[in-house]
PDB file of N, CA and C in Angstrom:
ATOM      1  N   UNK A   1     155.876  48.413 -19.594  1.00  0.00           N
ATOM      2  CA  UNK A   1     155.596  47.854 -20.876  1.00  0.00           C
ATOM      3  C   UNK A   1     154.191  47.220 -20.822  1.00  0.00           C
ATOM      4  N   UNK A   2     153.311  47.538 -21.773  1.00  0.00           N
ATOM      5  CA  UNK A   2     151.949  46.988 -21.749  1.00  0.00           C
ATOM      6  C   UNK A   2     151.962  45.493 -22.072  1.00  0.00           C
ATOM      7  N   UNK A   3     150.919  44.830 -21.577  1.00  0.00           N
ATOM      8  CA  UNK A   3     150.776  43.393 -21.833  1.00  0.00           C
ATOM      9  C   UNK A   3     150.503  43.134 -23.302  1.00  0.00           C
ATOM     10  N   UNK A   4     151.009  42.026 -23.760  1.00  0.00           N
ATOM     11  CA  UNK A   4     150.689  41.610 -25.122  1.00  0.00           C
ATOM     12  C   UNK A   4     149.316  40.941 -25.102  1.00  0.00           C
ATOM     13  N   UNK A   5     148.663  40.816 -26.254  1.00  0.00           N
ATOM     14  CA  UNK A   5     147.356  40.149 -26.280  1.00  0.00           C
ATOM     15  C   UNK A   5     147.420  38.725 -25.714  1.00  0.00           C
ATOM     16  N   UNK A   6     148.500  38.033 -25.947  1.00  0.00           N
ATOM     17  CA  UNK A   6     148.630  36.667 -25.432  1.00  0.00           C
ATOM     18  C   UNK A   6     148.688  36.661 -23.903  1.00  0.00           C
ATOM     19  N   UNK A   7     149.430  37.617 -23.334  1.00  0.00           N
ATOM     20  CA  UNK A   7     149.527  37.698 -21.878  1.00  0.00           C
ATOM     21  C   UNK A   7     148.181  38.032 -21.250  1.00  0.00           C
ATOM     22  N   UNK A   8     147.428  38.939 -21.882  1.00  0.00           N
ATOM     23  CA  UNK A   8     146.091  39.270 -21.377  1.00  0.00           C
ATOM     24  C   UNK A   8     145.170  38.069 -21.427  1.00  0.00           C
ATOM     25  N   UNK A   9     145.247  37.312 -22.551  1.00  0.00           N
ATOM     26  CA  UNK A   9     144.402  36.140 -22.694  1.00  0.00           C
ATOM     27  C   UNK A   9     144.743  35.100 -21.627  1.00  0.00           C
ATOM     28  N   UNK A  10     146.013  34.880 -21.387  1.00  0.00           N
ATOM     29  CA  UNK A  10     146.439  33.923 -20.361  1.00  0.00           C
ATOM     30  C   UNK A  10     145.953  34.371 -18.990  1.00  0.00           C
ATOM     31  N   UNK A  11     146.070  35.659 -18.692  1.00  0.00           N
ATOM     32  CA  UNK A  11     145.611  36.187 -17.405  1.00  0.00           C
ATOM     33  C   UNK A  11     144.097  36.039 -17.261  1.00  0.00           C
ATOM     34  N   UNK A  12     143.337  36.314 -18.340  1.00  0.00           N
ATOM     35  CA  UNK A  12     141.880  36.177 -18.291  1.00  0.00           C
ATOM     36  C   UNK A  12     141.453  34.729 -18.098  1.00  0.00           C
ATOM     37  N   UNK A  13     142.116  33.813 -18.806  1.00  0.00           N
ATOM     38  CA  UNK A  13     141.788  32.391 -18.663  1.00  0.00           C
ATOM     39  C   UNK A  13     142.101  31.920 -17.248  1.00  0.00           C
ATOM     40  N   UNK A  14     143.212  32.354 -16.699  1.00  0.00           N
ATOM     41  CA  UNK A  14     143.580  31.966 -15.331  1.00  0.00           C
ATOM     42  C   UNK A  14     142.556  32.492 -14.327  1.00  0.00           C
ATOM     43  N   UNK A  15     142.097  33.716 -14.518  1.00  0.00           N
ATOM     44  CA  UNK A  15     141.100  34.291 -13.609  1.00  0.00           C
ATOM     45  C   UNK A  15     139.782  33.521 -13.694  1.00  0.00           C
ATOM     46  N   UNK A  16     139.365  33.167 -14.914  1.00  0.00           N
ATOM     47  CA  UNK A  16     138.124  32.388 -15.068  1.00  0.00           C
ATOM     48  C   UNK A  16     138.263  31.019 -14.429  1.00  0.00           C
ATOM     49  N   UNK A  17     139.431  30.412 -14.577  1.00  0.00           N
ATOM     50  CA  UNK A  17     139.658  29.112 -13.972  1.00  0.00           C
ATOM     51  C   UNK A  17     139.604  29.206 -12.446  1.00  0.00           C
ATOM     52  N   UNK A  18     140.167  30.247 -11.883  1.00  0.00           N
ATOM     53  CA  UNK A  18     140.125  30.434 -10.433  1.00  0.00           C
ATOM     54  C   UNK A  18     138.692  30.599  -9.942  1.00  0.00           C
ATOM     55  N   UNK A  19     137.879  31.371 -10.681  1.00  0.00           N
ATOM     56  CA  UNK A  19     136.470  31.540 -10.300  1.00  0.00           C
ATOM     57  C   UNK A  19     135.730  30.213 -10.348  1.00  0.00           C
ATOM     58  N   UNK A  20     136.008  29.414 -11.394  1.00  0.00           N
ATOM     59  CA  UNK A  20     135.348  28.129 -11.534  1.00  0.00           C
ATOM     60  C   UNK A  20     135.738  27.195 -10.389  1.00  0.00           C
ATOM     61  N   UNK A  21     137.020  27.152 -10.041  1.00  0.00           N
ATOM     62  CA  UNK A  21     137.472  26.295  -8.950  1.00  0.00           C
ATOM     63  C   UNK A  21     136.891  26.748  -7.611  1.00  0.00           C
ATOM     64  N   UNK A  22     136.806  28.062  -7.400  1.00  0.00           N
ATOM     65  CA  UNK A  22     136.217  28.586  -6.167  1.00  0.00           C
ATOM     66  C   UNK A  22     134.747  28.204  -6.078  1.00  0.00           C
ATOM     67  N   UNK A  23     134.028  28.292  -7.194  1.00  0.00           N
ATOM     68  CA  UNK A  23     132.609  27.925  -7.208  1.00  0.00           C
ATOM     69  C   UNK A  23     132.438  26.438  -6.909  1.00  0.00           C
ATOM     70  N   UNK A  24     133.315  25.611  -7.422  1.00  0.00           N
ATOM     71  CA  UNK A  24     133.240  24.174  -7.120  1.00  0.00           C
ATOM     72  C   UNK A  24     133.500  23.904  -5.646  1.00  0.00           C
ATOM     73  N   UNK A  25     134.482  24.600  -5.082  1.00  0.00           N
ATOM     74  CA  UNK A  25     134.775  24.415  -3.663  1.00  0.00           C
ATOM     75  C   UNK A  25     133.600  24.835  -2.802  1.00  0.00           C
ATOM     76  N   UNK A  26     132.983  25.946  -3.166  1.00  0.00           N
ATOM     77  CA  UNK A  26     131.865  26.459  -2.382  1.00  0.00           C
ATOM     78  C   UNK A  26     130.572  25.737  -2.715  1.00  0.00           C
ATOM     79  N   UNK A  27     130.587  24.901  -3.746  1.00  0.00           N
ATOM     80  CA  UNK A  27     129.447  24.090  -4.172  1.00  0.00           C
ATOM     81  C   UNK A  27     128.207  24.931  -4.406  1.00  0.00           C
ATOM     82  N   UNK A  28     128.389  26.037  -5.095  1.00  0.00           N
ATOM     83  CA  UNK A  28     127.253  26.855  -5.480  1.00  0.00           C
ATOM     84  C   UNK A  28     126.680  26.273  -6.758  1.00  0.00           C
ATOM     85  N   UNK A  29     125.501  25.755  -6.654  1.00  0.00           N
ATOM     86  CA  UNK A  29     124.873  25.127  -7.809  1.00  0.00           C
ATOM     87  C   UNK A  29     123.558  25.796  -8.142  1.00  0.00           C
ATOM     88  N   UNK A  30     122.706  25.028  -8.777  1.00  0.00           N
ATOM     89  CA  UNK A  30     121.412  25.559  -9.192  1.00  0.00           C
ATOM     90  C   UNK A  30     120.535  25.918  -8.001  1.00  0.00           C
ATOM     91  N   UNK A  31     120.613  25.129  -6.938  1.00  0.00           N
ATOM     92  CA  UNK A  31     119.783  25.428  -5.769  1.00  0.00           C
ATOM     93  C   UNK A  31     120.212  26.736  -5.113  1.00  0.00           C
ATOM     94  N   UNK A  32     121.498  26.976  -5.098  1.00  0.00           N
ATOM     95  CA  UNK A  32     121.995  28.222  -4.531  1.00  0.00           C
ATOM     96  C   UNK A  32     121.509  29.420  -5.339  1.00  0.00           C
ATOM     97  N   UNK A  33     121.555  29.294  -6.657  1.00  0.00           N
ATOM     98  CA  UNK A  33     121.076  30.378  -7.520  1.00  0.00           C
ATOM     99  C   UNK A  33     119.580  30.584  -7.325  1.00  0.00           C
ATOM    100  N   UNK A  34     118.848  29.500  -7.181  1.00  0.00           N
ATOM    101  CA  UNK A  34     117.401  29.604  -6.976  1.00  0.00           C
ATOM    102  C   UNK A  34     117.080  30.252  -5.636  1.00  0.00           C
ATOM    103  N   UNK A  35     117.850  29.935  -4.617  1.00  0.00           N
ATOM    104  CA  UNK A  35     117.598  30.546  -3.311  1.00  0.00           C
ATOM    105  C   UNK A  35     117.919  32.040  -3.338  1.00  0.00           C
ATOM    106  N   UNK A  36     118.974  32.415  -4.052  1.00  0.00           N
ATOM    107  CA  UNK A  36     119.302  33.838  -4.182  1.00  0.00           C
ATOM    108  C   UNK A  36     118.182  34.566  -4.905  1.00  0.00           C
ATOM    109  N   UNK A  37     117.644  33.931  -5.936  1.00  0.00           N
ATOM    110  CA  UNK A  37     116.527  34.529  -6.672  1.00  0.00           C
ATOM    111  C   UNK A  37     115.331  34.749  -5.757  1.00  0.00           C
ATOM    112  N   UNK A  38     115.050  33.793  -4.890  1.00  0.00           N
ATOM    113  CA  UNK A  38     113.944  33.937  -3.942  1.00  0.00           C
ATOM    114  C   UNK A  38     114.176  35.056  -2.951  1.00  0.00           C
ATOM    115  N   UNK A  39     115.394  35.139  -2.429  1.00  0.00           N
ATOM    116  CA  UNK A  39     115.718  36.189  -1.461  1.00  0.00           C
ATOM    117  C   UNK A  39     115.613  37.564  -2.118  1.00  0.00           C
ATOM    118  N   UNK A  40     116.119  37.659  -3.339  1.00  0.00           N
ATOM    119  CA  UNK A  40     116.054  38.933  -4.061  1.00  0.00           C
ATOM    120  C   UNK A  40     114.604  39.313  -4.328  1.00  0.00           C
ATOM    121  N   UNK A  41     113.796  38.344  -4.722  1.00  0.00           N
ATOM    122  CA  UNK A  41     112.381  38.618  -4.978  1.00  0.00           C
ATOM    123  C   UNK A  41     111.665  39.131  -3.740  1.00  0.00           C
ATOM    124  N   UNK A  42     111.867  38.443  -2.624  1.00  0.00           N
ATOM    125  CA  UNK A  42     111.212  38.870  -1.391  1.00  0.00           C
ATOM    126  C   UNK A  42     111.729  40.213  -0.909  1.00  0.00           C
ATOM    127  N   UNK A  43     113.002  40.492  -1.132  1.00  0.00           N
ATOM    128  CA  UNK A  43     113.532  41.773  -0.669  1.00  0.00           C
ATOM    129  C   UNK A  43     112.994  42.935  -1.494  1.00  0.00           C
ATOM    130  N   UNK A  44     112.422  42.671  -2.651  1.00  0.00           N
ATOM    131  CA  UNK A  44     111.749  43.714  -3.431  1.00  0.00           C
ATOM    132  C   UNK A  44     110.261  43.762  -3.084  1.00  0.00           C
ATOM    133  N   UNK A  45     109.645  42.603  -2.942  1.00  0.00           N
ATOM    134  CA  UNK A  45     108.194  42.529  -2.731  1.00  0.00           C
ATOM    135  C   UNK A  45     107.776  43.082  -1.373  1.00  0.00           C
ATOM    136  N   UNK A  46     108.484  42.716  -0.315  1.00  0.00           N
ATOM    137  CA  UNK A  46     108.061  43.101   1.034  1.00  0.00           C
ATOM    138  C   UNK A  46     108.049  44.624   1.234  1.00  0.00           C
ATOM    139  N   UNK A  47     109.118  45.366   0.905  1.00  0.00           N
ATOM    140  CA  UNK A  47     109.042  46.823   1.084  1.00  0.00           C
ATOM    141  C   UNK A  47     107.994  47.480   0.178  1.00  0.00           C
ATOM    142  N   UNK A  48     107.804  46.908  -1.018  1.00  0.00           N
ATOM    143  CA  UNK A  48     106.803  47.471  -1.924  1.00  0.00           C
ATOM    144  C   UNK A  48     105.402  47.314  -1.345  1.00  0.00           C
ATOM    145  N   UNK A  49     105.083  46.110  -0.866  1.00  0.00           N
ATOM    146  CA  UNK A  49     103.758  45.888  -0.275  1.00  0.00           C
ATOM    147  C   UNK A  49     103.573  46.679   1.018  1.00  0.00           C
ATOM    148  N   UNK A  50     104.641  46.809   1.795  1.00  0.00           N
ATOM    149  CA  UNK A  50     104.557  47.619   3.014  1.00  0.00           C
ATOM    150  C   UNK A  50     104.287  49.081   2.667  1.00  0.00           C
ATOM    151  N   UNK A  51     104.926  49.574   1.622  1.00  0.00           N
ATOM    152  CA  UNK A  51     104.675  50.950   1.184  1.00  0.00           C
ATOM    153  C   UNK A  51     103.250  51.143   0.714  1.00  0.00           C
ATOM    154  N   UNK A  52     102.716  50.181  -0.012  1.00  0.00           N
ATOM    155  CA  UNK A  52     101.326  50.266  -0.471  1.00  0.00           C
ATOM    156  C   UNK A  52     100.367  50.264   0.714  1.00  0.00           C
ATOM    157  N   UNK A  53     100.594  49.355   1.669  1.00  0.00           N
ATOM    158  CA  UNK A  53      99.710  49.263   2.833  1.00  0.00           C
ATOM    159  C   UNK A  53      99.746  50.542   3.662  1.00  0.00           C
ATOM    160  N   UNK A  54     100.941  51.045   3.922  1.00  0.00           N
ATOM    161  CA  UNK A  54     101.059  52.277   4.705  1.00  0.00           C
ATOM    162  C   UNK A  54     100.453  53.458   3.959  1.00  0.00           C
ATOM    163  N   UNK A  55     100.687  53.531   2.648  1.00  0.00           N
ATOM    164  CA  UNK A  55     100.119  54.619   1.854  1.00  0.00           C
ATOM    165  C   UNK A  55      98.604  54.587   1.815  1.00  0.00           C
ATOM    166  N   UNK A  56      98.024  53.386   1.683  1.00  0.00           N
ATOM    167  CA  UNK A  56      96.562  53.261   1.682  1.00  0.00           C
ATOM    168  C   UNK A  56      95.997  53.673   3.032  1.00  0.00           C
ATOM    169  N   UNK A  57      96.669  53.292   4.110  1.00  0.00           N
ATOM    170  CA  UNK A  57      96.207  53.666   5.445  1.00  0.00           C
ATOM    171  C   UNK A  57      96.251  55.188   5.619  1.00  0.00           C
ATOM    172  N   UNK A  58      97.338  55.814   5.189  1.00  0.00           N
ATOM    173  CA  UNK A  58      97.455  57.277   5.296  1.00  0.00           C
ATOM    174  C   UNK A  58      96.390  57.953   4.442  1.00  0.00           C
ATOM    175  N   UNK A  59      96.153  57.446   3.217  1.00  0.00           N
ATOM    176  CA  UNK A  59      95.130  58.033   2.346  1.00  0.00           C
ATOM    177  C   UNK A  59      93.737  57.943   2.958  1.00  0.00           C
ATOM    178  N   UNK A  60      93.447  56.860   3.663  1.00  0.00           N
ATOM    179  CA  UNK A  60      92.130  56.726   4.305  1.00  0.00           C
ATOM    180  C   UNK A  60      91.996  57.645   5.503  1.00  0.00           C
ATOM    181  N   UNK A  61      93.047  57.775   6.282  1.00  0.00           N
ATOM    182  CA  UNK A  61      92.998  58.591   7.509  1.00  0.00           C
ATOM    183  C   UNK A  61      93.123  60.091   7.240  1.00  0.00           C
ATOM    184  N   UNK A  62      93.979  60.447   6.302  1.00  0.00           N
ATOM    185  CA  UNK A  62      94.279  61.858   6.045  1.00  0.00           C
ATOM    186  C   UNK A  62      94.185  62.150   4.554  1.00  0.00           C
ATOM    187  N   UNK A  63      92.993  62.332   4.017  1.00  0.00           N
ATOM    188  CA  UNK A  63      92.861  62.595   2.577  1.00  0.00           C
ATOM    189  C   UNK A  63      93.610  63.879   2.178  1.00  0.00           C
ATOM    190  N   UNK A  64      94.253  63.832   1.019  1.00  0.00           N
ATOM    191  CA  UNK A  64      94.988  64.996   0.534  1.00  0.00           C
ATOM    192  C   UNK A  64      94.922  65.033  -0.984  1.00  0.00           C
ATOM    193  N   UNK A  65      95.585  66.047  -1.578  1.00  0.00           N
ATOM    194  CA  UNK A  65      95.559  66.210  -3.040  1.00  0.00           C
ATOM    195  C   UNK A  65      96.333  65.112  -3.745  1.00  0.00           C
ATOM    196  N   UNK A  66      97.359  64.589  -3.123  1.00  0.00           N
ATOM    197  CA  UNK A  66      98.180  63.579  -3.779  1.00  0.00           C
ATOM    198  C   UNK A  66      98.031  62.236  -3.074  1.00  0.00           C
ATOM    199  N   UNK A  67      98.383  61.196  -3.777  1.00  0.00           N
ATOM    200  CA  UNK A  67      98.198  59.840  -3.281  1.00  0.00           C
ATOM    201  C   UNK A  67      99.445  59.346  -2.554  1.00  0.00           C
ATOM    202  N   UNK A  68      99.297  59.135  -1.257  1.00  0.00           N
ATOM    203  CA  UNK A  68     100.388  58.568  -0.483  1.00  0.00           C
ATOM    204  C   UNK A  68     100.660  57.124  -0.896  1.00  0.00           C
ATOM    205  N   UNK A  69      99.626  56.446  -1.380  1.00  0.00           N
ATOM    206  CA  UNK A  69      99.805  55.062  -1.816  1.00  0.00           C
ATOM    207  C   UNK A  69     100.818  54.985  -2.955  1.00  0.00           C
ATOM    208  N   UNK A  70     100.672  55.856  -3.942  1.00  0.00           N
ATOM    209  CA  UNK A  70     101.587  55.838  -5.081  1.00  0.00           C
ATOM    210  C   UNK A  70     102.992  56.263  -4.656  1.00  0.00           C
ATOM    211  N   UNK A  71     103.071  57.292  -3.830  1.00  0.00           N
ATOM    212  CA  UNK A  71     104.375  57.782  -3.384  1.00  0.00           C
ATOM    213  C   UNK A  71     105.121  56.702  -2.600  1.00  0.00           C
ATOM    214  N   UNK A  72     104.436  56.067  -1.656  1.00  0.00           N
ATOM    215  CA  UNK A  72     105.097  55.055  -0.838  1.00  0.00           C
ATOM    216  C   UNK A  72     105.314  53.749  -1.606  1.00  0.00           C
ATOM    217  N   UNK A  73     104.520  53.508  -2.629  1.00  0.00           N
ATOM    218  CA  UNK A  73     104.782  52.370  -3.508  1.00  0.00           C
ATOM    219  C   UNK A  73     106.131  52.563  -4.193  1.00  0.00           C
ATOM    220  N   UNK A  74     106.364  53.753  -4.725  1.00  0.00           N
ATOM    221  CA  UNK A  74     107.626  54.047  -5.406  1.00  0.00           C
ATOM    222  C   UNK A  74     108.795  54.008  -4.426  1.00  0.00           C
ATOM    223  N   UNK A  75     108.608  54.561  -3.241  1.00  0.00           N
ATOM    224  CA  UNK A  75     109.671  54.537  -2.223  1.00  0.00           C
ATOM    225  C   UNK A  75     109.982  53.090  -1.817  1.00  0.00           C
ATOM    226  N   UNK A  76     108.937  52.289  -1.581  1.00  0.00           N
ATOM    227  CA  UNK A  76     109.146  50.885  -1.210  1.00  0.00           C
ATOM    228  C   UNK A  76     109.826  50.100  -2.312  1.00  0.00           C
ATOM    229  N   UNK A  77     109.439  50.356  -3.547  1.00  0.00           N
ATOM    230  CA  UNK A  77     110.065  49.675  -4.682  1.00  0.00           C
ATOM    231  C   UNK A  77     111.535  50.055  -4.803  1.00  0.00           C
ATOM    232  N   UNK A  78     111.833  51.340  -4.655  1.00  0.00           N
ATOM    233  CA  UNK A  78     113.229  51.793  -4.731  1.00  0.00           C
ATOM    234  C   UNK A  78     114.056  51.193  -3.591  1.00  0.00           C
ATOM    235  N   UNK A  79     113.494  51.171  -2.395  1.00  0.00           N
ATOM    236  CA  UNK A  79     114.193  50.584  -1.251  1.00  0.00           C
ATOM    237  C   UNK A  79     114.421  49.090  -1.470  1.00  0.00           C
ATOM    238  N   UNK A  80     113.412  48.404  -1.975  1.00  0.00           N
ATOM    239  CA  UNK A  80     113.548  46.973  -2.242  1.00  0.00           C
ATOM    240  C   UNK A  80     114.584  46.685  -3.313  1.00  0.00           C
ATOM    241  N   UNK A  81     114.604  47.474  -4.368  1.00  0.00           N
ATOM    242  CA  UNK A  81     115.600  47.282  -5.426  1.00  0.00           C
ATOM    243  C   UNK A  81     117.010  47.544  -4.916  1.00  0.00           C
ATOM    244  N   UNK A  82     117.171  48.563  -4.081  1.00  0.00           N
ATOM    245  CA  UNK A  82     118.491  48.855  -3.504  1.00  0.00           C
ATOM    246  C   UNK A  82     118.940  47.707  -2.605  1.00  0.00           C
ATOM    247  N   UNK A  83     118.022  47.153  -1.836  1.00  0.00           N
ATOM    248  CA  UNK A  83     118.347  46.022  -0.975  1.00  0.00           C
ATOM    249  C   UNK A  83     118.736  44.805  -1.804  1.00  0.00           C
ATOM    250  N   UNK A  84     117.983  44.547  -2.867  1.00  0.00           N
ATOM    251  CA  UNK A  84     118.283  43.406  -3.744  1.00  0.00           C
ATOM    252  C   UNK A  84     119.634  43.592  -4.419  1.00  0.00           C
ATOM    253  N   UNK A  85     119.920  44.781  -4.868  1.00  0.00           N
ATOM    254  CA  UNK A  85     121.200  45.074  -5.520  1.00  0.00           C
ATOM    255  C   UNK A  85     122.365  44.797  -4.563  1.00  0.00           C
ATOM    256  N   UNK A  86     122.200  45.243  -3.324  1.00  0.00           N
ATOM    257  CA  UNK A  86     123.244  45.017  -2.314  1.00  0.00           C
ATOM    258  C   UNK A  86     123.391  43.524  -2.023  1.00  0.00           C
ATOM    259  N   UNK A  87     122.276  42.814  -1.968  1.00  0.00           N
ATOM    260  CA  UNK A  87     122.299  41.374  -1.703  1.00  0.00           C
ATOM    261  C   UNK A  87     123.010  40.615  -2.823  1.00  0.00           C
ATOM    262  N   UNK A  88     122.755  40.987  -4.052  1.00  0.00           N
ATOM    263  CA  UNK A  88     123.422  40.341  -5.178  1.00  0.00           C
ATOM    264  C   UNK A  88     124.920  40.629  -5.129  1.00  0.00           C
ATOM    265  N   UNK A  89     125.281  41.848  -4.762  1.00  0.00           N
ATOM    266  CA  UNK A  89     126.699  42.207  -4.643  1.00  0.00           C
ATOM    267  C   UNK A  89     127.432  41.412  -3.588  1.00  0.00           C
ATOM    268  N   UNK A  90     126.740  41.020  -2.520  1.00  0.00           N
ATOM    269  CA  UNK A  90     127.356  40.225  -1.459  1.00  0.00           C
ATOM    270  C   UNK A  90     127.685  38.818  -1.928  1.00  0.00           C
ATOM    271  N   UNK A  91     126.897  38.288  -2.845  1.00  0.00           N
ATOM    272  CA  UNK A  91     127.067  36.905  -3.280  1.00  0.00           C
ATOM    273  C   UNK A  91     128.076  36.750  -4.398  1.00  0.00           C
ATOM    274  N   UNK A  92     128.621  37.809  -4.873  1.00  0.00           N
ATOM    275  CA  UNK A  92     129.607  37.705  -5.960  1.00  0.00           C
ATOM    276  C   UNK A  92     130.913  37.253  -5.460  1.00  0.00           C
TER     277      UNK A  92
END
């Protein structure tokens, strides 16, 4: 038998209350959110800058038709975003 709207609402409120109580126990506050933001930012910036540096070095040493700087910038950005996404998923 499917849940009635009242039962769903009660279940949703109970779940939200449990999340709130867990957050209070773990004392995740504004500083915790700010630190996560910093970690996520650095996990995107570092691979992106590393890709740019490596690409520029390759372009100087081995000139070619296409730009390794742009290619490795995109690869570094994608890697950094994937890392940040995984990091955010861990903190949920």
